[in-house]
Amino acid sequence: QVQLLESGGGLVQAGGSLRLSCGASGRTISRYAMGWFRQAPGKEREIVAAIGRSGTSTYYAVSVKGRFTISRDNAQSTVYLQMNSLKSEDTAVYYCAARPSSSDYYIIAGEYNYWGQGTQVTVSS
């Protein structure tokens, strides 16, 4: 079992940047595919970005491609989400997720086994 804890959320003006971190404990994340999801009020949870075990394969939602970057440091058991050029529509609770994987990433929330508690990101316009 792996426990996930997100950090780095907060209030930022439109056009600004934030870097989210997801620290894992219990087990190394080197055997896990990782993902970042978000959920805005009244909306379903949606994929933001995902990354395979080695970090060489990544996926981005169309809405964030070119603005967000997912990365991982397996030695530190941490996954990051660098968010640039933030927009008001990026406002949501951001969740980190993990699932055992041979190599690939996953983009469906139901495919993930472990979740963090979420961190709020608020972008003011």
C-alpha atoms as a PDB file:
ATOM      1  CA  GLN A   1       0.000   0.000   0.000  1.00  0.00           C
ATOM      2  CA  VAL A   2       1.161   3.515  -0.765  1.00  0.00           C
ATOM      3  CA  GLN A   3       0.036   6.740   0.899  1.00  0.00           C
ATOM      4  CA  LEU A   4       0.007   9.920  -1.147  1.00  0.00           C
ATOM      5  CA  LEU A   5       0.171  13.491   0.092  1.00  0.00           C
ATOM      6  CA  GLU A   6      -0.190  16.506  -2.173  1.00  0.00           C
ATOM      7  CA  SER A   7       1.208  19.950  -1.443  1.00  0.00           C
ATOM      8  CA  GLY A   8       1.862  23.219  -3.214  1.00  0.00           C
ATOM      9  CA  GLY A   9      -1.651  24.397  -3.885  1.00  0.00           C
ATOM     10  CA  GLY A  10      -2.807  27.927  -3.168  1.00  0.00           C
ATOM     11  CA  LEU A  11      -4.149  31.163  -4.565  1.00  0.00           C
ATOM     12  CA  VAL A  12      -2.490  32.636  -7.634  1.00  0.00           C
ATOM     13  CA  GLN A  13      -3.363  35.293 -10.172  1.00  0.00           C
ATOM     14  CA  ALA A  14      -4.157  34.374 -13.735  1.00  0.00           C
ATOM     15  CA  GLY A  15      -0.958  34.005 -15.724  1.00  0.00           C
ATOM     16  CA  GLY A  16       0.975  32.877 -12.688  1.00  0.00           C
ATOM     17  CA  SER A  17       2.573  29.562 -11.825  1.00  0.00           C
ATOM     18  CA  LEU A  18       2.372  26.902  -9.153  1.00  0.00           C
ATOM     19  CA  ARG A  19       4.233  23.671  -8.587  1.00  0.00           C
ATOM     20  CA  LEU A  20       2.352  20.804  -7.005  1.00  0.00           C
ATOM     21  CA  SER A  21       4.167  17.954  -5.309  1.00  0.00           C
ATOM     22  CA  CYS A  22       2.925  14.504  -4.440  1.00  0.00           C
ATOM     23  CA  GLY A  23       4.979  12.630  -1.882  1.00  0.00           C
ATOM     24  CA  ALA A  24       4.527   8.922  -1.437  1.00  0.00           C
ATOM     25  CA  SER A  25       5.171   6.852   1.638  1.00  0.00           C
ATOM     26  CA  GLY A  26       4.819   3.190   2.398  1.00  0.00           C
ATOM     27  CA  ARG A  27       6.391   2.021  -0.826  1.00  0.00           C
ATOM     28  CA  THR A  28       8.629   3.413  -3.498  1.00  0.00           C
ATOM     29  CA  ILE A  29       6.706   4.785  -6.455  1.00  0.00           C
ATOM     30  CA  SER A  30       9.156   3.347  -8.964  1.00  0.00           C
ATOM     31  CA  ARG A  31       6.715   0.545  -9.793  1.00  0.00           C
ATOM     32  CA  TYR A  32       3.710   2.810 -10.053  1.00  0.00           C
ATOM     33  CA  ALA A  33       2.185   4.809 -12.837  1.00  0.00           C
ATOM     34  CA  MET A  34       1.193   8.212 -11.491  1.00  0.00           C
ATOM     35  CA  GLY A  35      -1.436  10.726 -12.441  1.00  0.00           C
ATOM     36  CA  TRP A  36      -2.762  14.147 -11.560  1.00  0.00           C
ATOM     37  CA  PHE A  37      -6.520  14.711 -11.648  1.00  0.00           C
ATOM     38  CA  ARG A  38      -8.637  17.694 -10.747  1.00  0.00           C
ATOM     39  CA  GLN A  39     -12.209  18.315  -9.740  1.00  0.00           C
ATOM     40  CA  ALA A  40     -13.960  21.647  -9.881  1.00  0.00           C
ATOM     41  CA  PRO A  41     -17.216  22.312  -7.987  1.00  0.00           C
ATOM     42  CA  GLY A  42     -20.140  20.655  -9.723  1.00  0.00           C
ATOM     43  CA  LYS A  43     -17.925  18.859 -12.200  1.00  0.00           C
ATOM     44  CA  GLU A  44     -16.568  15.352 -12.527  1.00  0.00           C
ATOM     45  CA  ARG A  45     -13.008  14.471 -11.708  1.00  0.00           C
ATOM     46  CA  GLU A  46     -10.862  14.755 -14.828  1.00  0.00           C
ATOM     47  CA  ILE A  47      -7.392  13.739 -15.865  1.00  0.00           C
ATOM     48  CA  VAL A  48      -4.818  16.515 -16.006  1.00  0.00           C
ATOM     49  CA  ALA A  49      -1.602  14.610 -16.673  1.00  0.00           C
ATOM     50  CA  ALA A  50      -0.171  11.121 -16.287  1.00  0.00           C
ATOM     51  CA  ILE A  51       3.287   9.601 -16.327  1.00  0.00           C
ATOM     52  CA  GLY A  52       4.640   6.092 -16.722  1.00  0.00           C
ATOM     53  CA  ARG A  53       7.020   4.349 -14.341  1.00  0.00           C
ATOM     54  CA  SER A  54      10.238   5.549 -15.911  1.00  0.00           C
ATOM     55  CA  GLY A  55       9.011   9.050 -16.633  1.00  0.00           C
ATOM     56  CA  THR A  56       9.611   8.795 -20.360  1.00  0.00           C
ATOM     57  CA  SER A  57       5.943   8.422 -21.307  1.00  0.00           C
ATOM     58  CA  THR A  58       3.546  11.200 -20.430  1.00  0.00           C
ATOM     59  CA  TYR A  59       0.006  12.291 -21.211  1.00  0.00           C
ATOM     60  CA  TYR A  60      -1.637  15.708 -20.960  1.00  0.00           C
ATOM     61  CA  ALA A  61      -5.219  16.784 -21.224  1.00  0.00           C
ATOM     62  CA  VAL A  62      -5.770  19.079 -24.177  1.00  0.00           C
ATOM     63  CA  SER A  63      -6.748  21.911 -21.850  1.00  0.00           C
ATOM     64  CA  VAL A  64      -3.341  21.948 -20.142  1.00  0.00           C
ATOM     65  CA  LYS A  65      -0.976  20.813 -22.869  1.00  0.00           C
ATOM     66  CA  GLY A  66       1.842  23.280 -23.333  1.00  0.00           C
ATOM     67  CA  ARG A  67       1.203  24.886 -19.944  1.00  0.00           C
ATOM     68  CA  PHE A  68       1.607  22.030 -17.448  1.00  0.00           C
ATOM     69  CA  THR A  69       4.485  19.590 -17.032  1.00  0.00           C
ATOM     70  CA  ILE A  70       4.381  16.340 -15.082  1.00  0.00           C
ATOM     71  CA  SER A  71       7.601  14.810 -13.819  1.00  0.00           C
ATOM     72  CA  ARG A  72       8.747  12.296 -11.257  1.00  0.00           C
ATOM     73  CA  ASP A  73      11.712  11.594  -9.023  1.00  0.00           C
ATOM     74  CA  ASN A  74      11.555   7.926  -8.145  1.00  0.00           C
ATOM     75  CA  ALA A  75      14.474   8.200  -5.737  1.00  0.00           C
ATOM     76  CA  GLN A  76      12.523  10.774  -3.753  1.00  0.00           C
ATOM     77  CA  SER A  77       9.182   9.018  -4.311  1.00  0.00           C
ATOM     78  CA  THR A  78       7.735  12.307  -5.495  1.00  0.00           C
ATOM     79  CA  VAL A  79       5.714  13.378  -8.504  1.00  0.00           C
ATOM     80  CA  TYR A  80       5.441  16.991  -9.590  1.00  0.00           C
ATOM     81  CA  LEU A  81       3.033  19.061 -11.621  1.00  0.00           C
ATOM     82  CA  GLN A  82       4.469  22.356 -12.825  1.00  0.00           C
ATOM     83  CA  MET A  83       1.614  24.634 -13.794  1.00  0.00           C
ATOM     84  CA  ASN A  84       2.341  27.764 -15.825  1.00  0.00           C
ATOM     85  CA  SER A  85       0.140  30.370 -17.461  1.00  0.00           C
ATOM     86  CA  LEU A  86      -2.661  29.492 -15.090  1.00  0.00           C
ATOM     87  CA  LYS A  87      -6.220  30.375 -16.024  1.00  0.00           C
ATOM     88  CA  SER A  88      -9.333  30.821 -13.913  1.00  0.00           C
ATOM     89  CA  GLU A  89     -10.688  27.582 -15.372  1.00  0.00           C
ATOM     90  CA  ASP A  90      -7.769  25.714 -13.770  1.00  0.00           C
ATOM     91  CA  THR A  91      -9.352  26.365 -10.374  1.00  0.00           C
ATOM     92  CA  ALA A  92     -10.061  22.996  -8.768  1.00  0.00           C
ATOM     93  CA  VAL A  93      -8.954  20.519  -6.150  1.00  0.00           C
ATOM     94  CA  TYR A  94      -5.986  18.636  -7.564  1.00  0.00           C
ATOM     95  CA  TYR A  95      -5.455  14.994  -6.688  1.00  0.00           C
ATOM     96  CA  CYS A  96      -2.481  12.718  -7.071  1.00  0.00           C
ATOM     97  CA  ALA A  97      -3.097   9.060  -7.906  1.00  0.00           C
ATOM     98  CA  ALA A  98      -1.043   5.891  -8.257  1.00  0.00           C
ATOM     99  CA  ARG A  99      -1.433   2.363  -9.542  1.00  0.00           C
ATOM    100  CA  PRO A 100       0.974  -0.529 -10.050  1.00  0.00           C
ATOM    101  CA  SER A 101       2.137  -0.602 -13.649  1.00  0.00           C
ATOM    102  CA  SER A 102       4.552  -2.377 -15.907  1.00  0.00           C
ATOM    103  CA  SER A 103       5.405   0.775 -17.796  1.00  0.00           C
ATOM    104  CA  ASP A 104       2.496   2.753 -19.236  1.00  0.00           C
ATOM    105  CA  TYR A 105       0.393   5.571 -17.861  1.00  0.00           C
ATOM    106  CA  TYR A 106      -3.353   5.545 -17.267  1.00  0.00           C
ATOM    107  CA  ILE A 107      -5.883   8.297 -17.868  1.00  0.00           C
ATOM    108  CA  ILE A 108      -9.081   6.926 -16.351  1.00  0.00           C
ATOM    109  CA  ALA A 109      -9.674   7.684 -12.681  1.00  0.00           C
ATOM    110  CA  GLY A 110     -11.129   4.225 -12.063  1.00  0.00           C
ATOM    111  CA  GLU A 111      -7.853   2.630 -13.122  1.00  0.00           C
ATOM    112  CA  TYR A 112      -6.002   4.084 -10.142  1.00  0.00           C
ATOM    113  CA  ASN A 113      -5.784   2.294  -6.812  1.00  0.00           C
ATOM    114  CA  TYR A 114      -4.443   5.001  -4.501  1.00  0.00           C
ATOM    115  CA  TRP A 115      -5.370   8.656  -4.057  1.00  0.00           C
ATOM    116  CA  GLY A 116      -4.166  11.620  -2.083  1.00  0.00           C
ATOM    117  CA  GLN A 117      -6.478  13.901  -0.157  1.00  0.00           C
ATOM    118  CA  GLY A 118      -6.194  16.719  -2.684  1.00  0.00           C
ATOM    119  CA  THR A 119      -4.854  20.266  -2.685  1.00  0.00           C
ATOM    120  CA  GLN A 120      -6.849  23.358  -3.632  1.00  0.00           C
ATOM    121  CA  VAL A 121      -5.683  25.514  -6.518  1.00  0.00           C
ATOM    122  CA  THR A 122      -7.488  28.813  -6.965  1.00  0.00           C
ATOM    123  CA  VAL A 123      -6.704  31.096  -9.892  1.00  0.00           C
ATOM    124  CA  SER A 124      -8.054  34.613  -9.649  1.00  0.00           C
ATOM    125  CA  SER A 125      -8.798  36.546 -12.815  1.00  0.00           C
END
